[in-house]
N, C-alpha and C. Protein backbone atom coordinates (compact mmCIF):
# COMPACT_ATOMS: atom_id res chain seq x y z
N MET A 1 0.93 -1.23 -0.01
CA MET A 1 0.39 -0.07 0.10
C MET A 1 0.50 1.38 -0.19
N LEU A 2 0.85 2.24 -0.86
CA LEU A 2 1.28 3.17 -1.01
C LEU A 2 1.05 4.57 0.11
N LEU A 3 1.55 5.38 0.85
CA LEU A 3 0.35 6.33 1.12
C LEU A 3 0.77 7.73 0.51
N GLN A 4 -0.45 8.54 0.83
CA GLN A 4 -0.38 9.76 -0.32
C GLN A 4 0.29 10.40 0.60
N GLU A 5 0.95 11.42 -0.01
CA GLU A 5 1.90 12.43 0.19
C GLU A 5 1.50 13.23 1.59
N ASP A 6 0.38 13.25 1.58
CA ASP A 6 -0.24 14.04 3.09
C ASP A 6 -0.21 13.61 4.41
N GLU A 7 -0.17 11.55 3.85
CA GLU A 7 0.00 11.05 4.70
C GLU A 7 1.75 10.56 5.56
N LEU A 8 1.92 10.35 3.79
CA LEU A 8 3.54 10.41 4.76
C LEU A 8 4.32 11.77 5.50
N ALA A 9 4.28 12.78 5.15
CA ALA A 9 4.15 14.45 5.61
C ALA A 9 3.62 13.93 7.05
N TYR A 10 2.53 13.51 7.60
CA TYR A 10 1.83 13.76 9.07
C TYR A 10 3.62 12.59 9.49
N LEU A 11 3.31 11.74 9.04
CA LEU A 11 3.79 10.42 10.20
C LEU A 11 5.26 11.15 9.82
N ARG A 12 5.59 11.66 9.32
CA ARG A 12 7.32 12.55 9.34
C ARG A 12 7.57 13.64 10.50
N GLU A 13 6.49 13.85 10.61
CA GLU A 13 5.93 15.24 11.17
C GLU A 13 6.10 14.82 12.51
N ASP A 14 5.21 13.67 12.53
CA ASP A 14 4.97 12.92 13.97
C ASP A 14 6.31 12.38 14.68
N ALA A 15 7.47 11.58 14.04
CA ALA A 15 8.09 10.91 14.27
C ALA A 15 9.08 12.13 14.88
N ALA A 16 8.97 12.74 13.80
CA ALA A 16 10.44 13.93 14.41
C ALA A 16 10.01 14.77 15.50
N SER A 17 8.93 14.56 15.66
CA SER A 17 8.51 15.09 17.08
C SER A 17 8.35 14.30 18.46
N MET A 18 9.69 13.13 17.73
CA MET A 18 10.19 12.50 19.25
C MET A 18 11.29 12.38 18.72
N LEU A 19 11.82 13.13 18.35
CA LEU A 19 13.44 12.49 19.10
C LEU A 19 14.45 13.71 19.55
N PRO A 20 14.43 13.90 21.05
CA PRO A 20 15.13 14.24 21.83
C PRO A 20 16.44 14.42 21.83
N ASP A 21 17.05 14.36 21.23
CA ASP A 21 18.53 13.99 21.25
C ASP A 21 19.39 15.31 20.43
N ASP A 22 19.93 16.58 21.22
CA ASP A 22 20.48 17.40 19.63
C ASP A 22 21.66 16.96 19.10
N VAL A 23 21.81 16.97 18.04
CA VAL A 23 22.91 16.45 17.09
C VAL A 23 23.87 17.22 16.08
N SER A 24 24.84 17.33 16.39
CA SER A 24 26.39 18.21 15.39
C SER A 24 26.72 17.52 14.18
N VAL A 25 26.23 17.96 13.18
CA VAL A 25 27.31 17.20 11.83
C VAL A 25 28.56 17.65 12.46
N ILE A 26 29.49 17.08 12.14
CA ILE A 26 30.80 17.17 12.12
C ILE A 26 31.67 16.17 10.76
N ARG A 27 31.67 17.93 9.35
CA ARG A 27 32.06 16.88 8.18
C ARG A 27 34.10 16.76 8.45
N MET A 28 34.20 16.05 7.61
CA MET A 28 35.37 15.21 7.02
C MET A 28 35.95 17.02 5.71
N VAL A 29 37.30 17.54 6.07
CA VAL A 29 37.13 18.47 4.73
C VAL A 29 39.26 18.02 4.75
N ASN A 30 39.39 17.98 3.57
CA ASN A 30 40.40 17.77 2.99
C ASN A 30 41.59 19.17 2.88
N LEU A 31 42.23 19.89 3.90
CA LEU A 31 42.51 20.92 3.47
C LEU A 31 44.48 20.79 2.46
N PRO A 32 44.94 22.15 2.30
CA PRO A 32 46.61 21.69 1.95
C PRO A 32 47.25 21.48 3.11
N ASP A 33 48.24 20.55 3.17
CA ASP A 33 49.56 20.83 4.25
C ASP A 33 50.33 21.70 3.99
N GLY A 34 50.84 22.25 3.04
CA GLY A 34 51.88 23.55 3.16
C GLY A 34 52.85 22.59 2.20
N ALA A 35 52.83 21.20 2.15
CA ALA A 35 53.85 20.28 1.25
C ALA A 35 53.78 19.97 0.13
N GLY A 36 52.71 20.60 -0.33
CA GLY A 36 51.93 20.07 -1.64
C GLY A 36 50.90 19.03 -1.55
N GLY A 37 51.09 18.10 -0.33
CA GLY A 37 49.79 17.44 -0.02
C GLY A 37 48.39 17.83 0.44
N GLN A 38 47.35 16.80 1.28
CA GLN A 38 46.52 16.96 2.21
C GLN A 38 46.37 16.39 3.39
N GLN A 39 46.00 17.10 4.19
CA GLN A 39 45.76 16.59 5.69
C GLN A 39 43.98 16.79 6.19
N VAL A 40 44.12 15.75 6.68
CA VAL A 40 42.38 15.23 7.17
C VAL A 40 42.26 16.62 8.37
N SER A 41 40.87 17.32 8.32
CA SER A 41 40.64 17.96 9.70
C SER A 41 38.62 18.22 9.51
N TRP A 42 38.39 17.92 10.60
CA TRP A 42 36.81 18.34 10.62
C TRP A 42 36.46 19.59 10.87
N GLU A 43 35.50 19.68 10.00
CA GLU A 43 34.80 21.69 10.50
C GLU A 43 33.17 21.01 11.27
N SER A 44 32.36 21.38 11.68
CA SER A 44 31.03 21.51 12.54
C SER A 44 30.59 22.25 11.04
N MET A 45 29.31 21.52 10.99
CA MET A 45 28.48 22.06 9.85
C MET A 45 27.92 23.40 10.06
N GLY A 46 27.87 23.72 11.58
CA GLY A 46 27.11 24.91 12.14
C GLY A 46 25.68 24.55 12.38
N THR A 47 25.23 22.94 12.26
CA THR A 47 23.78 23.01 12.29
C THR A 47 23.22 22.06 13.31
N THR A 48 22.30 22.64 14.11
CA THR A 48 22.04 21.27 15.22
C THR A 48 21.02 20.80 14.67
N LEU A 49 20.75 19.06 14.66
CA LEU A 49 19.50 18.68 13.97
C LEU A 49 19.00 17.72 15.62
N LYS A 50 17.60 17.13 15.25
CA LYS A 50 17.57 16.48 16.29
C LYS A 50 17.09 15.13 15.99
N GLY A 51 17.57 14.13 17.31
CA GLY A 51 17.50 12.60 16.76
C GLY A 51 17.37 11.58 18.59
N ARG A 52 17.24 10.50 17.88
CA ARG A 52 17.27 9.07 18.87
C ARG A 52 18.50 8.25 19.11
N LEU A 53 19.46 8.58 19.62
CA LEU A 53 20.53 7.78 20.12
C LEU A 53 19.71 6.51 20.75
N ALA A 54 19.91 5.10 19.91
CA ALA A 54 20.30 3.23 20.78
C ALA A 54 21.10 2.94 20.98
N SER A 55 21.15 1.94 21.37
CA SER A 55 22.21 1.21 21.46
C SER A 55 21.45 0.33 20.46
N ALA A 56 22.62 -0.04 19.26
CA ALA A 56 21.87 -1.20 18.13
C ALA A 56 21.97 -2.35 18.66
N THR A 57 22.64 -3.22 19.36
CA THR A 57 22.54 -4.44 19.90
C THR A 57 22.41 -4.66 21.75
N LYS A 58 21.75 -5.45 21.50
CA LYS A 58 21.22 -6.02 23.17
C LYS A 58 22.46 -6.46 23.70
N ALA A 59 23.74 -6.89 23.44
CA ALA A 59 24.91 -6.93 23.90
C ALA A 59 26.07 -6.95 23.77
N PRO A 60 26.97 -6.20 23.85
CA PRO A 60 28.29 -5.65 23.53
C PRO A 60 28.45 -7.04 22.88
N THR A 61 29.68 -7.04 22.29
CA THR A 61 30.48 -8.16 20.57
C THR A 61 31.73 -7.65 22.04
N GLU A 62 32.61 -8.41 21.98
CA GLU A 62 33.56 -8.36 22.40
C GLU A 62 34.84 -8.70 22.11
N THR A 63 36.42 -7.93 21.43
CA THR A 63 37.41 -8.10 20.90
C THR A 63 38.60 -8.19 21.31
N GLN A 64 39.60 -8.74 21.53
CA GLN A 64 40.85 -8.56 21.95
C GLN A 64 41.64 -6.92 21.41
N GLU A 65 41.96 -6.25 22.69
CA GLU A 65 43.14 -5.59 21.88
C GLU A 65 44.33 -5.03 22.70
N GLY A 66 45.59 -5.12 22.47
CA GLY A 66 46.77 -5.06 23.05
C GLY A 66 46.41 -6.20 24.62
N GLY A 67 45.69 -7.50 24.77
CA GLY A 67 45.96 -7.91 25.80
C GLY A 67 44.45 -8.08 26.43
N ARG A 68 44.10 -6.59 26.03
CA ARG A 68 42.63 -6.42 26.42
C ARG A 68 41.69 -6.88 26.23
N GLN A 69 40.13 -7.29 27.67
CA GLN A 69 39.38 -7.96 26.60
C GLN A 69 38.33 -6.45 26.22
N LEU A 70 37.86 -5.84 25.04
CA LEU A 70 36.92 -4.58 24.67
C LEU A 70 35.65 -4.76 24.55
N ALA A 71 34.71 -4.66 25.73
CA ALA A 71 32.95 -4.34 24.61
C ALA A 71 33.06 -3.58 23.81
N ILE A 72 32.29 -4.12 22.43
CA ILE A 72 32.44 -2.70 21.51
C ILE A 72 30.81 -2.77 21.78
N ILE A 73 30.39 -1.65 21.97
CA ILE A 73 28.66 -1.83 21.59
C ILE A 73 28.81 -0.55 20.10
N GLY A 74 27.66 -1.23 19.93
CA GLY A 74 27.25 -0.45 18.51
C GLY A 74 26.21 0.09 18.90
N TRP A 75 26.02 1.55 18.10
CA TRP A 75 24.93 2.29 18.21
C TRP A 75 24.73 2.86 16.97
N LYS A 76 22.82 3.34 17.02
CA LYS A 76 21.67 3.76 15.96
C LYS A 76 21.34 4.70 16.09
N LEU A 77 20.93 5.78 15.16
CA LEU A 77 20.99 7.43 15.57
C LEU A 77 19.35 7.03 14.05
N LEU A 78 18.34 7.52 14.84
CA LEU A 78 17.29 7.99 14.30
C LEU A 78 17.13 9.52 13.57
N LEU A 79 16.97 10.16 12.48
CA LEU A 79 16.94 11.64 12.46
C LEU A 79 15.82 12.26 11.58
N PRO A 80 15.46 12.95 11.14
CA PRO A 80 14.67 12.96 10.37
C PRO A 80 14.78 12.52 8.88
N TRP A 81 13.86 11.86 8.26
CA TRP A 81 14.29 11.13 6.80
C TRP A 81 15.42 11.93 6.01
N ASP A 82 15.24 13.34 5.12
CA ASP A 82 15.82 14.32 4.49
C ASP A 82 16.89 14.79 5.83
N ALA A 83 17.56 14.24 6.86
CA ALA A 83 19.03 14.76 7.49
C ALA A 83 19.90 14.98 6.04
N ASP A 84 21.17 15.71 6.59
CA ASP A 84 22.40 15.98 5.64
C ASP A 84 23.31 14.79 5.70
N ILE A 85 23.48 13.71 6.02
CA ILE A 85 24.69 13.35 6.53
C ILE A 85 25.13 12.23 5.62
N GLN A 86 26.22 12.06 5.49
CA GLN A 86 27.35 11.79 4.92
C GLN A 86 28.46 10.84 4.91
N ALA A 87 28.06 9.34 4.15
CA ALA A 87 29.50 8.63 5.34
C ALA A 87 30.40 8.32 5.38
N THR A 88 30.75 9.80 5.54
CA THR A 88 32.50 10.22 6.27
C THR A 88 32.02 11.22 7.29
N ASP A 89 30.96 11.49 7.28
CA ASP A 89 30.57 12.76 8.66
C ASP A 89 31.07 11.77 10.28
N ARG A 90 31.65 12.42 10.96
CA ARG A 90 31.10 12.75 12.34
C ARG A 90 29.97 12.82 12.71
N LEU A 91 29.45 12.57 13.89
CA LEU A 91 28.22 13.10 15.32
C LEU A 91 28.74 13.33 16.59
N GLU A 92 28.22 14.66 16.92
CA GLU A 92 28.86 14.66 18.28
C GLU A 92 27.13 14.58 19.14
N ILE A 93 26.68 13.60 19.86
CA ILE A 93 25.34 13.61 20.71
C ILE A 93 25.61 13.37 21.87
N ASN A 94 25.06 14.34 23.15
CA ASN A 94 25.17 14.13 24.09
C ASN A 94 26.80 14.56 24.36
N GLY A 95 27.60 14.91 24.27
CA GLY A 95 28.72 14.95 24.13
C GLY A 95 30.37 14.15 23.95
N GLU A 96 29.73 13.28 23.44
CA GLU A 96 30.25 12.24 22.40
C GLU A 96 30.76 12.22 20.64
N THR A 97 31.31 11.64 20.85
CA THR A 97 31.32 11.55 18.82
C THR A 97 30.75 10.53 18.52
N PHE A 98 31.00 10.34 17.78
CA PHE A 98 30.32 9.43 16.79
C PHE A 98 30.60 9.23 15.27
N GLU A 99 31.55 8.34 14.60
CA GLU A 99 31.30 7.92 13.10
C GLU A 99 30.86 7.24 12.87
N VAL A 100 30.02 7.61 11.79
CA VAL A 100 29.05 7.26 11.11
C VAL A 100 29.40 6.29 10.21
N ASN A 101 28.86 4.61 10.65
CA ASN A 101 28.81 3.84 9.46
C ASN A 101 28.20 3.15 8.56
N GLY A 102 26.78 3.67 8.20
CA GLY A 102 26.04 3.23 6.97
C GLY A 102 24.81 4.41 7.50
N THR A 103 23.53 4.02 6.28
CA THR A 103 22.70 4.78 6.59
C THR A 103 21.45 4.16 5.93
N ASN A 104 20.33 3.60 5.78
CA ASN A 104 19.35 3.44 5.57
C ASN A 104 18.53 3.99 4.32
N ARG A 105 19.49 5.34 3.98
CA ARG A 105 18.71 6.45 2.71
C ARG A 105 18.28 5.85 1.94
N GLY A 106 17.34 6.05 0.57
CA GLY A 106 16.61 5.70 0.02
C GLY A 106 16.10 4.34 -0.08
N LEU A 107 15.29 4.52 1.16
CA LEU A 107 13.72 3.26 1.51
C LEU A 107 12.60 3.82 0.69
N SER A 108 11.99 2.86 0.38
CA SER A 108 10.51 4.00 0.16
C SER A 108 10.15 4.18 1.04
N GLU A 109 9.03 5.48 0.51
CA GLU A 109 8.01 6.23 1.93
C GLU A 109 9.07 5.89 3.24
N GLN A 110 10.02 6.67 3.37
CA GLN A 110 11.00 6.41 3.71
C GLN A 110 10.43 7.57 5.12
N ILE A 111 10.58 7.27 6.68
CA ILE A 111 9.98 7.95 7.50
C ILE A 111 10.75 8.98 9.01
N LEU A 112 11.47 8.38 8.90
CA LEU A 112 13.12 8.39 9.52
C LEU A 112 14.36 7.71 8.88
N LEU A 113 15.39 8.33 8.79
CA LEU A 113 16.54 7.86 8.49
C LEU A 113 17.14 7.09 9.75
N GLU A 114 17.27 6.74 9.50
CA GLU A 114 18.57 5.60 10.39
C GLU A 114 20.06 5.27 10.33
N VAL A 115 20.75 5.70 11.01
CA VAL A 115 22.42 6.10 10.99
C VAL A 115 22.68 4.92 12.23
N THR A 116 24.09 4.09 11.15
CA THR A 116 24.79 2.75 12.22
C THR A 116 26.15 4.02 12.43
N LEU A 117 26.49 3.52 13.76
CA LEU A 117 27.95 4.70 14.79
C LEU A 117 28.45 3.85 14.99
N LYS A 118 29.24 4.78 15.44
CA LYS A 118 30.68 3.55 16.05
C LYS A 118 31.33 5.03 16.93
N ARG A 119 31.34 4.66 17.82
CA ARG A 119 32.03 5.48 18.90
C ARG A 119 33.18 5.81 18.47
N VAL A 120 33.85 7.19 18.56
CA VAL A 120 35.12 7.38 18.25
C VAL A 120 35.96 7.45 19.46
């Protein structure tokens, strides 16, 4: 069943009203390094989006690093469906920085954008 444009707009507006977290977009830019090459820098896009951050898994995955056992928690973030998020972006949410791993952009009749994240 396809939604009418006004029905889809209502669902998007309703879902967006339930996003409590402030999200700042930090975009990767390449700047000249003075030696003919480039260096990576991060710049705030100066916009604040509303989102909802949640754990993507019920239990953390574990890995070994430097002889230590580490728990890895995957994160997902819900944003308005038309949020300008790129695969190389970082997002600052509640004072913590996350890297974008992927999105579900491009779904039919998308109501929210789901972004998978990794804590930096």
